[in-house]
Amino acid sequence: MGNIKPTYIKRLGQELLEKHGRKFKHDFEFNKKMVQELSDIRTKTLRNRVAGYVTRKMRKPLE
């Protein structure tokens, strides 16, 4: 079983992917920096969780 992400993390991640999808890569560290630049997230924990969600979506093959 995987972790269940809260709705607000999914929503933020999906919005970032829709607006800036080509700017993200398969690397978590790179995505972490991009999330910080492209959004107004202030806390490190929330930034990392959104970056992890985005990274997971980028690594997942298209369905």
Protein backbone atom coordinates (compact mmCIF):
# COMPACT_ATOMS: atom_id res chain seq x y z
CA MET A 1 0.00 0.00 0.00
CA GLY A 2 1.14 3.51 -0.76
CA ASN A 3 0.81 6.73 1.12
CA ILE A 4 -2.40 8.68 0.67
CA LYS A 5 -1.68 12.34 -0.02
CA PRO A 6 -4.02 15.02 1.31
CA THR A 7 -6.18 16.78 -1.27
CA TYR A 8 -4.43 20.13 -0.89
CA ILE A 9 -1.07 18.60 -1.83
CA LYS A 10 -2.57 16.93 -4.88
CA ARG A 11 -4.33 20.13 -5.90
CA LEU A 12 -1.16 22.25 -5.60
CA GLY A 13 0.89 19.66 -7.48
CA GLN A 14 -1.65 19.31 -10.27
CA GLU A 15 -1.92 23.07 -10.69
CA LEU A 16 1.85 23.38 -10.96
CA LEU A 17 2.03 20.53 -13.47
CA GLU A 18 -0.74 22.05 -15.60
CA LYS A 19 0.82 25.50 -15.68
CA HIS A 20 4.54 24.63 -15.68
CA GLY A 21 4.68 20.94 -16.57
CA ARG A 22 7.73 21.14 -18.84
CA LYS A 23 9.84 22.84 -16.19
CA PHE A 24 9.83 19.77 -13.92
CA LYS A 25 12.10 16.75 -14.22
CA HIS A 26 12.47 13.30 -12.65
CA ASP A 27 14.82 14.66 -9.95
CA PHE A 28 13.36 15.49 -6.52
CA GLU A 29 16.04 18.08 -5.62
CA PHE A 30 15.47 19.97 -8.86
CA ASN A 31 11.69 19.84 -8.45
CA LYS A 32 12.01 21.11 -4.88
CA LYS A 33 13.74 24.25 -6.16
CA MET A 34 11.19 24.69 -8.92
CA VAL A 35 8.24 24.39 -6.51
CA GLN A 36 9.81 27.06 -4.34
CA GLU A 37 10.29 29.40 -7.32
CA LEU A 38 6.90 28.81 -8.95
CA SER A 39 4.65 28.90 -5.89
CA ASP A 40 4.17 30.88 -2.71
CA ILE A 41 4.62 27.92 -0.36
CA ARG A 42 6.43 29.09 2.77
CA THR A 43 6.98 25.95 4.83
CA LYS A 44 9.71 23.48 4.02
CA THR A 45 7.53 20.46 4.85
CA LEU A 46 4.74 21.45 2.49
CA ARG A 47 7.22 22.32 -0.27
CA ASN A 48 8.89 18.93 0.03
CA ARG A 49 5.58 17.06 -0.01
CA VAL A 50 4.38 18.90 -3.11
CA ALA A 51 7.77 18.35 -4.80
CA GLY A 52 7.56 14.65 -3.94
CA TYR A 53 4.09 14.43 -5.45
CA VAL A 54 5.24 16.21 -8.62
CA THR A 55 8.31 13.96 -8.88
CA ARG A 56 6.19 10.86 -8.52
CA LYS A 57 3.84 12.07 -11.26
CA MET A 58 6.78 12.85 -13.56
CA ARG A 59 8.30 9.39 -13.04
CA LYS A 60 5.02 7.59 -13.63
CA PRO A 61 4.56 6.44 -17.25
CA LEU A 62 1.66 7.91 -19.17
CA GLU A 63 -1.54 5.95 -18.81
